Amino acid sequence: MSSGMKTIIYPVKDLAQAKKLYGKLLGVEPLMDAAYYVGYRVGDQDIGLDPNGHGQGLTGPLAYWNVDDINETIRQLIEAGATPLQPVKDVGGGKLVGSVTDADGNQIGLIQAS
C-alpha cells in the first residue's frame, strides 16, 4: 500500500522568510521556487513550503506517505475510520496529493507519483 514517507510539507505564512530559514537549515537551493510553493530535496527526502497550507486546514507540518493508488488508499482509510481532510488534487506533472485525519485528529498526507 505504501512505500514510506518521503515528503513533508510545512504551511508557512511568510514564504520569503521561510525560504531563507529552511535554505539555511537544509543547506541546499530549492528545486522549485514559485509564489505558491517552494520545494527542496535533501537525499531522497522532499521538503516543501506551502504559503496556502493554513488555508487548506494544515495546522503544522504534514508528512506524506507515498502510495500506488491514492484514491483506493483514501477509500480504505475512510472505511477504517479516517475523515477526509484535503481532496485529491493534481499538483503538477500528474503528481496527486490528498489527506485524511485519524480519529485523534492526526493528519495523514498521501501522495501518488505520476
PDB file of N, CA and C in Angstrom:
ATOM      1  N   MET A   1       0.825  -1.190   0.000  1.00  0.00           N
ATOM      2  CA  MET A   1       0.000   0.000   0.000  1.00  0.00           C
ATOM      3  C   MET A   1       0.869   1.253   0.000  1.00  0.00           C
ATOM      4  N   SER A   2       1.945   1.271   0.773  1.00  0.00           N
ATOM      5  CA  SER A   2       2.774   2.469   0.902  1.00  0.00           C
ATOM      6  C   SER A   2       4.246   2.103   0.777  1.00  0.00           C
ATOM      7  N   SER A   3       5.001   3.040   0.224  1.00  0.00           N
ATOM      8  CA  SER A   3       6.455   2.847   0.154  1.00  0.00           C
ATOM      9  C   SER A   3       7.170   3.781   1.122  1.00  0.00           C
ATOM     10  N   GLY A   4       6.440   4.283   2.122  1.00  0.00           N
ATOM     11  CA  GLY A   4       7.040   5.104   3.162  1.00  0.00           C
ATOM     12  C   GLY A   4       6.764   6.581   3.001  1.00  0.00           C
ATOM     13  N   MET A   5       7.259   7.352   3.964  1.00  0.00           N
ATOM     14  CA  MET A   5       7.103   8.807   3.953  1.00  0.00           C
ATOM     15  C   MET A   5       8.340   9.427   3.334  1.00  0.00           C
ATOM     16  N   LYS A   6       8.144  10.159   2.253  1.00  0.00           N
ATOM     17  CA  LYS A   6       9.280  10.773   1.570  1.00  0.00           C
ATOM     18  C   LYS A   6       9.077  12.260   1.353  1.00  0.00           C
ATOM     19  N   THR A   7       7.937  12.795   1.798  1.00  0.00           N
ATOM     20  CA  THR A   7       7.644  14.209   1.588  1.00  0.00           C
ATOM     21  C   THR A   7       7.057  14.789   2.857  1.00  0.00           C
ATOM     22  N   ILE A   8       7.487  15.984   3.220  1.00  0.00           N
ATOM     23  CA  ILE A   8       6.892  16.705   4.336  1.00  0.00           C
ATOM     24  C   ILE A   8       6.669  18.149   3.875  1.00  0.00           C
ATOM     25  N   ILE A   9       5.457  18.642   4.138  1.00  0.00           N
ATOM     26  CA  ILE A   9       5.089  19.992   3.732  1.00  0.00           C
ATOM     27  C   ILE A   9       4.858  20.840   4.981  1.00  0.00           C
ATOM     28  N   TYR A  10       5.461  22.009   4.985  1.00  0.00           N
ATOM     29  CA  TYR A  10       5.287  22.961   6.082  1.00  0.00           C
ATOM     30  C   TYR A  10       4.378  24.092   5.607  1.00  0.00           C
ATOM     31  N   PRO A  11       3.258  24.338   6.305  1.00  0.00           N
ATOM     32  CA  PRO A  11       2.467  25.521   5.971  1.00  0.00           C
ATOM     33  C   PRO A  11       3.196  26.744   6.514  1.00  0.00           C
ATOM     34  N   VAL A  12       3.328  27.778   5.694  1.00  0.00           N
ATOM     35  CA  VAL A  12       4.055  28.981   6.116  1.00  0.00           C
ATOM     36  C   VAL A  12       3.226  30.220   5.798  1.00  0.00           C
ATOM     37  N   LYS A  13       3.380  31.242   6.619  1.00  0.00           N
ATOM     38  CA  LYS A  13       2.671  32.498   6.392  1.00  0.00           C
ATOM     39  C   LYS A  13       3.510  33.477   5.588  1.00  0.00           C
ATOM     40  N   ASP A  14       4.810  33.465   5.785  1.00  0.00           N
ATOM     41  CA  ASP A  14       5.716  34.363   5.083  1.00  0.00           C
ATOM     42  C   ASP A  14       6.693  33.498   4.286  1.00  0.00           C
ATOM     43  N   LEU A  15       6.383  33.307   3.013  1.00  0.00           N
ATOM     44  CA  LEU A  15       7.169  32.393   2.184  1.00  0.00           C
ATOM     45  C   LEU A  15       8.623  32.844   2.048  1.00  0.00           C
ATOM     46  N   ALA A  16       8.857  34.140   1.876  1.00  0.00           N
ATOM     47  CA  ALA A  16      10.230  34.633   1.726  1.00  0.00           C
ATOM     48  C   ALA A  16      11.059  34.353   2.977  1.00  0.00           C
ATOM     49  N   GLN A  17      10.487  34.605   4.139  1.00  0.00           N
ATOM     50  CA  GLN A  17      11.201  34.357   5.392  1.00  0.00           C
ATOM     51  C   GLN A  17      11.438  32.861   5.592  1.00  0.00           C
ATOM     52  N   ALA A  18      10.409  32.055   5.309  1.00  0.00           N
ATOM     53  CA  ALA A  18      10.542  30.606   5.466  1.00  0.00           C
ATOM     54  C   ALA A  18      11.594  30.061   4.507  1.00  0.00           C
ATOM     55  N   LYS A  19      11.623  30.559   3.289  1.00  0.00           N
ATOM     56  CA  LYS A  19      12.610  30.118   2.305  1.00  0.00           C
ATOM     57  C   LYS A  19      14.027  30.418   2.791  1.00  0.00           C
ATOM     58  N   LYS A  20      14.208  31.570   3.379  1.00  0.00           N
ATOM     59  CA  LYS A  20      15.521  31.951   3.920  1.00  0.00           C
ATOM     60  C   LYS A  20      15.930  31.000   5.046  1.00  0.00           C
ATOM     61  N   LEU A  21      15.004  30.761   5.983  1.00  0.00           N
ATOM     62  CA  LEU A  21      15.291  29.908   7.132  1.00  0.00           C
ATOM     63  C   LEU A  21      15.557  28.460   6.712  1.00  0.00           C
ATOM     64  N   TYR A  22      14.656  27.882   5.891  1.00  0.00           N
ATOM     65  CA  TYR A  22      14.822  26.484   5.506  1.00  0.00           C
ATOM     66  C   TYR A  22      15.997  26.298   4.558  1.00  0.00           C
ATOM     67  N   GLY A  23      16.316  27.316   3.762  1.00  0.00           N
ATOM     68  CA  GLY A  23      17.513  27.244   2.929  1.00  0.00           C
ATOM     69  C   GLY A  23      18.759  27.092   3.778  1.00  0.00           C
ATOM     70  N   LYS A  24      18.831  27.859   4.869  1.00  0.00           N
ATOM     71  CA  LYS A  24      19.968  27.740   5.801  1.00  0.00           C
ATOM     72  C   LYS A  24      19.976  26.383   6.487  1.00  0.00           C
ATOM     73  N   LEU A  25      18.803  25.964   6.966  1.00  0.00           N
ATOM     74  CA  LEU A  25      18.698  24.683   7.671  1.00  0.00           C
ATOM     75  C   LEU A  25      19.100  23.513   6.783  1.00  0.00           C
ATOM     76  N   LEU A  26      18.598  23.502   5.562  1.00  0.00           N
ATOM     77  CA  LEU A  26      18.805  22.363   4.675  1.00  0.00           C
ATOM     78  C   LEU A  26      20.126  22.427   3.919  1.00  0.00           C
ATOM     79  N   GLY A  27      20.648  23.645   3.735  1.00  0.00           N
ATOM     80  CA  GLY A  27      21.929  23.797   3.061  1.00  0.00           C
ATOM     81  C   GLY A  27      21.893  23.532   1.568  1.00  0.00           C
ATOM     82  N   VAL A  28      20.704  23.633   0.959  1.00  0.00           N
ATOM     83  CA  VAL A  28      20.569  23.430  -0.481  1.00  0.00           C
ATOM     84  C   VAL A  28      19.644  24.508  -1.049  1.00  0.00           C
ATOM     85  N   GLU A  29      19.750  24.719  -2.356  1.00  0.00           N
ATOM     86  CA  GLU A  29      18.853  25.621  -3.061  1.00  0.00           C
ATOM     87  C   GLU A  29      17.552  24.869  -3.384  1.00  0.00           C
ATOM     88  N   PRO A  30      16.443  25.589  -3.483  1.00  0.00           N
ATOM     89  CA  PRO A  30      15.193  24.912  -3.837  1.00  0.00           C
ATOM     90  C   PRO A  30      15.228  24.361  -5.259  1.00  0.00           C
ATOM     91  N   LEU A  31      14.576  23.205  -5.445  1.00  0.00           N
ATOM     92  CA  LEU A  31      14.402  22.642  -6.783  1.00  0.00           C
ATOM     93  C   LEU A  31      13.242  23.326  -7.491  1.00  0.00           C
ATOM     94  N   MET A  32      12.268  23.766  -6.697  1.00  0.00           N
ATOM     95  CA  MET A  32      11.126  24.503  -7.228  1.00  0.00           C
ATOM     96  C   MET A  32      10.967  25.750  -6.386  1.00  0.00           C
ATOM     97  N   ASP A  33      10.819  26.880  -7.047  1.00  0.00           N
ATOM     98  CA  ASP A  33      10.726  28.147  -6.330  1.00  0.00           C
ATOM     99  C   ASP A  33       9.656  28.997  -7.010  1.00  0.00           C
ATOM    100  N   ALA A  34       8.429  28.888  -6.524  1.00  0.00           N
ATOM    101  CA  ALA A  34       7.299  29.618  -7.098  1.00  0.00           C
ATOM    102  C   ALA A  34       6.553  30.333  -5.983  1.00  0.00           C
ATOM    103  N   ALA A  35       5.690  31.253  -6.345  1.00  0.00           N
ATOM    104  CA  ALA A  35       4.919  32.016  -5.352  1.00  0.00           C
ATOM    105  C   ALA A  35       3.956  31.135  -4.567  1.00  0.00           C
ATOM    106  N   TYR A  36       3.587  29.984  -5.117  1.00  0.00           N
ATOM    107  CA  TYR A  36       2.625  29.089  -4.468  1.00  0.00           C
ATOM    108  C   TYR A  36       3.279  27.892  -3.778  1.00  0.00           C
ATOM    109  N   TYR A  37       4.602  27.705  -3.946  1.00  0.00           N
ATOM    110  CA  TYR A  37       5.263  26.536  -3.351  1.00  0.00           C
ATOM    111  C   TYR A  37       6.768  26.650  -3.550  1.00  0.00           C
ATOM    112  N   VAL A  38       7.521  26.310  -2.526  1.00  0.00           N
ATOM    113  CA  VAL A  38       8.975  26.193  -2.634  1.00  0.00           C
ATOM    114  C   VAL A  38       9.322  24.780  -2.178  1.00  0.00           C
ATOM    115  N   GLY A  39      10.055  24.055  -3.022  1.00  0.00           N
ATOM    116  CA  GLY A  39      10.377  22.668  -2.710  1.00  0.00           C
ATOM    117  C   GLY A  39      11.866  22.392  -2.734  1.00  0.00           C
ATOM    118  N   TYR A  40      12.315  21.629  -1.753  1.00  0.00           N
ATOM    119  CA  TYR A  40      13.714  21.238  -1.619  1.00  0.00           C
ATOM    120  C   TYR A  40      13.816  19.713  -1.666  1.00  0.00           C
ATOM    121  N   ARG A  41      14.999  19.220  -1.965  1.00  0.00           N
ATOM    122  CA  ARG A  41      15.285  17.797  -1.855  1.00  0.00           C
ATOM    123  C   ARG A  41      16.603  17.642  -1.129  1.00  0.00           C
ATOM    124  N   VAL A  42      16.591  16.841  -0.062  1.00  0.00           N
ATOM    125  CA  VAL A  42      17.783  16.507   0.694  1.00  0.00           C
ATOM    126  C   VAL A  42      17.846  14.986   0.723  1.00  0.00           C
ATOM    127  N   GLY A  43      18.826  14.415   0.036  1.00  0.00           N
ATOM    128  CA  GLY A  43      18.863  12.961  -0.116  1.00  0.00           C
ATOM    129  C   GLY A  43      17.640  12.533  -0.913  1.00  0.00           C
ATOM    130  N   ASP A  44      16.866  11.591  -0.371  1.00  0.00           N
ATOM    131  CA  ASP A  44      15.624  11.201  -1.051  1.00  0.00           C
ATOM    132  C   ASP A  44      14.394  11.763  -0.335  1.00  0.00           C
ATOM    133  N   GLN A  45      14.601  12.790   0.483  1.00  0.00           N
ATOM    134  CA  GLN A  45      13.514  13.444   1.236  1.00  0.00           C
ATOM    135  C   GLN A  45      13.139  14.759   0.545  1.00  0.00           C
ATOM    136  N   ASP A  46      11.836  14.932   0.266  1.00  0.00           N
ATOM    137  CA  ASP A  46      11.330  16.191  -0.276  1.00  0.00           C
ATOM    138  C   ASP A  46      10.757  17.023   0.862  1.00  0.00           C
ATOM    139  N   ILE A  47      11.108  18.308   0.888  1.00  0.00           N
ATOM    140  CA  ILE A  47      10.615  19.236   1.906  1.00  0.00           C
ATOM    141  C   ILE A  47       9.991  20.408   1.156  1.00  0.00           C
ATOM    142  N   GLY A  48       8.725  20.704   1.484  1.00  0.00           N
ATOM    143  CA  GLY A  48       8.032  21.772   0.797  1.00  0.00           C
ATOM    144  C   GLY A  48       7.542  22.851   1.744  1.00  0.00           C
ATOM    145  N   LEU A  49       7.455  24.069   1.228  1.00  0.00           N
ATOM    146  CA  LEU A  49       6.910  25.213   1.958  1.00  0.00           C
ATOM    147  C   LEU A  49       5.661  25.654   1.204  1.00  0.00           C
ATOM    148  N   ASP A  50       4.522  25.653   1.881  1.00  0.00           N
ATOM    149  CA  ASP A  50       3.245  25.963   1.239  1.00  0.00           C
ATOM    150  C   ASP A  50       2.613  27.187   1.882  1.00  0.00           C
ATOM    151  N   PRO A  51       2.601  28.333   1.178  1.00  0.00           N
ATOM    152  CA  PRO A  51       2.010  29.534   1.756  1.00  0.00           C
ATOM    153  C   PRO A  51       0.482  29.481   1.824  1.00  0.00           C
ATOM    154  N   ASN A  52      -0.123  28.471   1.209  1.00  0.00           N
ATOM    155  CA  ASN A  52      -1.577  28.302   1.251  1.00  0.00           C
ATOM    156  C   ASN A  52      -1.991  27.179   2.191  1.00  0.00           C
ATOM    157  N   GLY A  53      -1.034  26.565   2.855  1.00  0.00           N
ATOM    158  CA  GLY A  53      -1.306  25.410   3.705  1.00  0.00           C
ATOM    159  C   GLY A  53      -2.278  25.671   4.839  1.00  0.00           C
ATOM    160  N   HIS A  54      -2.112  26.799   5.527  1.00  0.00           N
ATOM    161  CA  HIS A  54      -3.013  27.102   6.643  1.00  0.00           C
ATOM    162  C   HIS A  54      -4.455  27.214   6.158  1.00  0.00           C
ATOM    163  N   GLY A  55      -4.652  27.830   5.009  1.00  0.00           N
ATOM    164  CA  GLY A  55      -5.988  27.987   4.445  1.00  0.00           C
ATOM    165  C   GLY A  55      -6.600  26.677   3.996  1.00  0.00           C
ATOM    166  N   GLN A  56      -5.771  25.648   3.832  1.00  0.00           N
ATOM    167  CA  GLN A  56      -6.248  24.328   3.426  1.00  0.00           C
ATOM    168  C   GLN A  56      -6.388  23.386   4.616  1.00  0.00           C
ATOM    169  N   GLY A  57      -6.295  23.935   5.824  1.00  0.00           N
ATOM    170  CA  GLY A  57      -6.509  23.127   7.018  1.00  0.00           C
ATOM    171  C   GLY A  57      -5.260  22.572   7.671  1.00  0.00           C
ATOM    172  N   LEU A  58      -4.077  22.889   7.154  1.00  0.00           N
ATOM    173  CA  LEU A  58      -2.860  22.387   7.787  1.00  0.00           C
ATOM    174  C   LEU A  58      -2.578  23.194   9.044  1.00  0.00           C
ATOM    175  N   THR A  59      -2.337  22.489  10.125  1.00  0.00           N
ATOM    176  CA  THR A  59      -2.056  23.141  11.402  1.00  0.00           C
ATOM    177  C   THR A  59      -0.587  23.039  11.787  1.00  0.00           C
ATOM    178  N   GLY A  60       0.175  22.327  11.004  1.00  0.00           N
ATOM    179  CA  GLY A  60       1.600  22.131  11.236  1.00  0.00           C
ATOM    180  C   GLY A  60       2.151  21.305  10.097  1.00  0.00           C
ATOM    181  N   PRO A  61       3.401  20.864  10.192  1.00  0.00           N
ATOM    182  CA  PRO A  61       3.986  20.055   9.124  1.00  0.00           C
ATOM    183  C   PRO A  61       3.151  18.810   8.869  1.00  0.00           C
ATOM    184  N   LEU A  62       3.064  18.427   7.604  1.00  0.00           N
ATOM    185  CA  LEU A  62       2.304  17.237   7.226  1.00  0.00           C
ATOM    186  C   LEU A  62       3.209  16.306   6.435  1.00  0.00           C
ATOM    187  N   ALA A  63       3.396  15.100   6.961  1.00  0.00           N
ATOM    188  CA  ALA A  63       4.184  14.079   6.270  1.00  0.00           C
ATOM    189  C   ALA A  63       3.273  13.346   5.292  1.00  0.00           C
ATOM    190  N   TYR A  64       3.794  13.078   4.121  1.00  0.00           N
ATOM    191  CA  TYR A  64       3.035  12.397   3.074  1.00  0.00           C
ATOM    192  C   TYR A  64       3.580  10.996   2.852  1.00  0.00           C
ATOM    193  N   TRP A  65       2.684  10.023   2.891  1.00  0.00           N
ATOM    194  CA  TRP A  65       3.008   8.633   2.589  1.00  0.00           C
ATOM    195  C   TRP A  65       2.913   8.450   1.083  1.00  0.00           C
ATOM    196  N   ASN A  66       3.925   7.841   0.474  1.00  0.00           N
ATOM    197  CA  ASN A  66       3.884   7.528  -0.948  1.00  0.00           C
ATOM    198  C   ASN A  66       3.048   6.269  -1.150  1.00  0.00           C
ATOM    199  N   VAL A  67       2.042   6.366  -2.004  1.00  0.00           N
ATOM    200  CA  VAL A  67       1.157   5.231  -2.272  1.00  0.00           C
ATOM    201  C   VAL A  67       1.042   5.013  -3.778  1.00  0.00           C
ATOM    202  N   ASP A  68       0.649   3.793  -4.156  1.00  0.00           N
ATOM    203  CA  ASP A  68       0.494   3.455  -5.570  1.00  0.00           C
ATOM    204  C   ASP A  68      -0.824   3.973  -6.132  1.00  0.00           C
ATOM    205  N   ASP A  69      -1.891   3.933  -5.327  1.00  0.00           N
ATOM    206  CA  ASP A  69      -3.227   4.335  -5.787  1.00  0.00           C
ATOM    207  C   ASP A  69      -3.873   5.190  -4.699  1.00  0.00           C
ATOM    208  N   ILE A  70      -3.791   6.502  -4.852  1.00  0.00           N
ATOM    209  CA  ILE A  70      -4.238   7.412  -3.794  1.00  0.00           C
ATOM    210  C   ILE A  70      -5.735   7.300  -3.532  1.00  0.00           C
ATOM    211  N   ASN A  71      -6.532   7.186  -4.588  1.00  0.00           N
ATOM    212  CA  ASN A  71      -7.982   7.113  -4.387  1.00  0.00           C
ATOM    213  C   ASN A  71      -8.391   5.846  -3.643  1.00  0.00           C
ATOM    214  N   GLU A  72      -7.783   4.741  -3.994  1.00  0.00           N
ATOM    215  CA  GLU A  72      -8.080   3.484  -3.306  1.00  0.00           C
ATOM    216  C   GLU A  72      -7.588   3.529  -1.862  1.00  0.00           C
ATOM    217  N   THR A  73      -6.414   4.098  -1.638  1.00  0.00           N
ATOM    218  CA  THR A  73      -5.885   4.203  -0.281  1.00  0.00           C
ATOM    219  C   THR A  73      -6.798   5.060   0.583  1.00  0.00           C
ATOM    220  N   ILE A  74      -7.244   6.199   0.056  1.00  0.00           N
ATOM    221  CA  ILE A  74      -8.158   7.053   0.818  1.00  0.00           C
ATOM    222  C   ILE A  74      -9.457   6.322   1.111  1.00  0.00           C
ATOM    223  N   ARG A  75      -9.980   5.599   0.127  1.00  0.00           N
ATOM    224  CA  ARG A  75     -11.209   4.830   0.344  1.00  0.00           C
ATOM    225  C   ARG A  75     -11.023   3.829   1.493  1.00  0.00           C
ATOM    226  N   GLN A  76      -9.912   3.125   1.483  1.00  0.00           N
ATOM    227  CA  GLN A  76      -9.642   2.137   2.526  1.00  0.00           C
ATOM    228  C   GLN A  76      -9.471   2.799   3.894  1.00  0.00           C
ATOM    229  N   LEU A  77      -8.793   3.938   3.929  1.00  0.00           N
ATOM    230  CA  LEU A  77      -8.599   4.632   5.209  1.00  0.00           C
ATOM    231  C   LEU A  77      -9.926   5.155   5.757  1.00  0.00           C
ATOM    232  N   ILE A  78     -10.786   5.659   4.891  1.00  0.00           N
ATOM    233  CA  ILE A  78     -12.111   6.114   5.335  1.00  0.00           C
ATOM    234  C   ILE A  78     -12.914   4.942   5.877  1.00  0.00           C
ATOM    235  N   GLU A  79     -12.853   3.798   5.199  1.00  0.00           N
ATOM    236  CA  GLU A  79     -13.524   2.594   5.705  1.00  0.00           C
ATOM    237  C   GLU A  79     -12.994   2.202   7.077  1.00  0.00           C
ATOM    238  N   ALA A  80     -11.717   2.496   7.331  1.00  0.00           N
ATOM    239  CA  ALA A  80     -11.092   2.143   8.605  1.00  0.00           C
ATOM    240  C   ALA A  80     -11.284   3.227   9.668  1.00  0.00           C
ATOM    241  N   GLY A  81     -12.025   4.305   9.340  1.00  0.00           N
ATOM    242  CA  GLY A  81     -12.338   5.309  10.342  1.00  0.00           C
ATOM    243  C   GLY A  81     -11.752   6.688  10.114  1.00  0.00           C
ATOM    244  N   ALA A  82     -11.004   6.884   9.040  1.00  0.00           N
ATOM    245  CA  ALA A  82     -10.421   8.204   8.753  1.00  0.00           C
ATOM    246  C   ALA A  82     -11.503   9.157   8.248  1.00  0.00           C
ATOM    247  N   THR A  83     -11.220  10.458   8.366  1.00  0.00           N
ATOM    248  CA  THR A  83     -12.103  11.506   7.872  1.00  0.00           C
ATOM    249  C   THR A  83     -11.361  12.268   6.779  1.00  0.00           C
ATOM    250  N   PRO A  84     -11.985  12.503   5.619  1.00  0.00           N
ATOM    251  CA  PRO A  84     -11.302  13.261   4.566  1.00  0.00           C
ATOM    252  C   PRO A  84     -10.918  14.660   5.054  1.00  0.00           C
ATOM    253  N   LEU A  85      -9.748  15.140   4.664  1.00  0.00           N
ATOM    254  CA  LEU A  85      -9.299  16.488   5.011  1.00  0.00           C
ATOM    255  C   LEU A  85      -9.127  17.306   3.735  1.00  0.00           C
ATOM    256  N   GLN A  86      -8.185  16.920   2.888  1.00  0.00           N
ATOM    257  CA  GLN A  86      -7.958  17.602   1.617  1.00  0.00           C
ATOM    258  C   GLN A  86      -8.300  16.641   0.495  1.00  0.00           C
ATOM    259  N   PRO A  87      -9.171  17.037  -0.425  1.00  0.00           N
ATOM    260  CA  PRO A  87      -9.489  16.144  -1.546  1.00  0.00           C
ATOM    261  C   PRO A  87      -8.268  15.933  -2.432  1.00  0.00           C
ATOM    262  N   VAL A  88      -8.277  14.844  -3.172  1.00  0.00           N
ATOM    263  CA  VAL A  88      -7.178  14.544  -4.088  1.00  0.00           C
ATOM    264  C   VAL A  88      -7.114  15.620  -5.164  1.00  0.00           C
ATOM    265  N   LYS A  89      -5.888  16.126  -5.392  1.00  0.00           N
ATOM    266  CA  LYS A  89      -5.699  17.113  -6.460  1.00  0.00           C
ATOM    267  C   LYS A  89      -4.360  16.877  -7.132  1.00  0.00           C
ATOM    268  N   ASP A  90      -4.292  17.240  -8.391  1.00  0.00           N
ATOM    269  CA  ASP A  90      -3.063  17.156  -9.177  1.00  0.00           C
ATOM    270  C   ASP A  90      -2.261  18.417  -8.886  1.00  0.00           C
ATOM    271  N   VAL A  91      -1.041  18.254  -8.392  1.00  0.00           N
ATOM    272  CA  VAL A  91      -0.198  19.409  -8.068  1.00  0.00           C
ATOM    273  C   VAL A  91       0.861  19.659  -9.138  1.00  0.00           C
ATOM    274  N   GLY A  92       0.703  19.024 -10.266  1.00  0.00           N
ATOM    275  CA  GLY A  92       1.613  19.234 -11.382  1.00  0.00           C
ATOM    276  C   GLY A  92       2.314  17.963 -11.799  1.00  0.00           C
ATOM    277  N   GLY A  93       2.437  17.792 -13.092  1.00  0.00           N
ATOM    278  CA  GLY A  93       3.146  16.630 -13.615  1.00  0.00           C
ATOM    279  C   GLY A  93       2.470  15.314 -13.316  1.00  0.00           C
ATOM    280  N   GLY A  94       1.177  15.345 -13.023  1.00  0.00           N
ATOM    281  CA  GLY A  94       0.453  14.118 -12.706  1.00  0.00           C
ATOM    282  C   GLY A  94       0.604  13.642 -11.279  1.00  0.00           C
ATOM    283  N   LYS A  95       1.342  14.381 -10.449  1.00  0.00           N
ATOM    284  CA  LYS A  95       1.504  14.016  -9.037  1.00  0.00           C
ATOM    285  C   LYS A  95       0.212  14.369  -8.303  1.00  0.00           C
ATOM    286  N   LEU A  96      -0.346  13.396  -7.592  1.00  0.00           N
ATOM    287  CA  LEU A  96      -1.594  13.585  -6.867  1.00  0.00           C
ATOM    288  C   LEU A  96      -1.345  13.613  -5.364  1.00  0.00           C
ATOM    289  N   VAL A  97      -1.998  14.534  -4.658  1.00  0.00           N
ATOM    290  CA  VAL A  97      -1.908  14.597  -3.207  1.00  0.00           C
ATOM    291  C   VAL A  97      -3.304  14.723  -2.609  1.00  0.00           C
ATOM    292  N   GLY A  98      -3.440  14.278  -1.390  1.00  0.00           N
ATOM    293  CA  GLY A  98      -4.675  14.394  -0.617  1.00  0.00           C
ATOM    294  C   GLY A  98      -4.357  14.042   0.819  1.00  0.00           C
ATOM    295  N   SER A  99      -5.330  14.248   1.708  1.00  0.00           N
ATOM    296  CA  SER A  99      -5.074  13.906   3.104  1.00  0.00           C
ATOM    297  C   SER A  99      -6.358  13.572   3.830  1.00  0.00           C
ATOM    298  N   VAL A 100      -6.182  12.866   4.938  1.00  0.00           N
ATOM    299  CA  VAL A 100      -7.272  12.472   5.833  1.00  0.00           C
ATOM    300  C   VAL A 100      -6.813  12.739   7.261  1.00  0.00           C
ATOM    301  N   THR A 101      -7.732  12.629   8.202  1.00  0.00           N
ATOM    302  CA  THR A 101      -7.360  12.656   9.613  1.00  0.00           C
ATOM    303  C   THR A 101      -7.791  11.348  10.251  1.00  0.00           C
ATOM    304  N   ASP A 102      -7.055  10.942  11.281  1.00  0.00           N
ATOM    305  CA  ASP A 102      -7.463   9.755  12.023  1.00  0.00           C
ATOM    306  C   ASP A 102      -8.431  10.177  13.128  1.00  0.00           C
ATOM    307  N   ALA A 103      -8.869   9.233  13.922  1.00  0.00           N
ATOM    308  CA  ALA A 103      -9.861   9.505  14.967  1.00  0.00           C
ATOM    309  C   ALA A 103      -9.364  10.484  16.025  1.00  0.00           C
ATOM    310  N   ASP A 104      -8.049  10.644  16.130  1.00  0.00           N
ATOM    311  CA  ASP A 104      -7.475  11.566  17.112  1.00  0.00           C
ATOM    312  C   ASP A 104      -7.168  12.940  16.513  1.00  0.00           C
ATOM    313  N   GLY A 105      -7.509  13.146  15.261  1.00  0.00           N
ATOM    314  CA  GLY A 105      -7.269  14.420  14.601  1.00  0.00           C
ATOM    315  C   GLY A 105      -5.895  14.539  13.961  1.00  0.00           C
ATOM    316  N   ASN A 106      -5.101  13.475  13.996  1.00  0.00           N
ATOM    317  CA  ASN A 106      -3.792  13.495  13.346  1.00  0.00           C
ATOM    318  C   ASN A 106      -3.969  13.487  11.829  1.00  0.00           C
ATOM    319  N   GLN A 107      -3.234  14.353  11.160  1.00  0.00           N
ATOM    320  CA  GLN A 107      -3.342  14.447   9.719  1.00  0.00           C
ATOM    321  C   GLN A 107      -2.408  13.437   9.045  1.00  0.00           C
ATOM    322  N   ILE A 108      -2.932  12.783   8.014  1.00  0.00           N
ATOM    323  CA  ILE A 108      -2.172  11.789   7.246  1.00  0.00           C
ATOM    324  C   ILE A 108      -2.171  12.240   5.798  1.00  0.00           C
ATOM    325  N   GLY A 109      -1.011  12.592   5.273  1.00  0.00           N
ATOM    326  CA  GLY A 109      -0.897  13.003   3.883  1.00  0.00           C
ATOM    327  C   GLY A 109      -0.595  11.803   3.007  1.00  0.00           C
ATOM    328  N   LEU A 110      -1.109  11.851   1.797  1.00  0.00           N
ATOM    329  CA  LEU A 110      -0.888  10.787   0.811  1.00  0.00           C
ATOM    330  C   LEU A 110      -0.435  11.434  -0.481  1.00  0.00           C
ATOM    331  N   ILE A 111       0.495  10.781  -1.153  1.00  0.00           N
ATOM    332  CA  ILE A 111       0.999  11.287  -2.423  1.00  0.00           C
ATOM    333  C   ILE A 111       1.180  10.118  -3.379  1.00  0.00           C
ATOM    334  N   GLN A 112       0.738  10.325  -4.608  1.00  0.00           N
ATOM    335  CA  GLN A 112       0.904   9.333  -5.663  1.00  0.00           C
ATOM    336  C   GLN A 112       1.702   9.990  -6.778  1.00  0.00           C
ATOM    337  N   ALA A 113       2.886   9.438  -7.042  1.00  0.00           N
ATOM    338  CA  ALA A 113       3.718   9.981  -8.113  1.00  0.00           C
ATOM    339  C   ALA A 113       3.111   9.629  -9.448  1.00  0.00           C
ATOM    340  N   SER A 114       3.437  10.432 -10.459  1.00  0.00           N
ATOM    341  CA  SER A 114       2.907  10.191 -11.796  1.00  0.00           C
ATOM    342  C   SER A 114       3.564   8.991 -12.428  1.00  0.00           C
TER     343      SER A 114
END
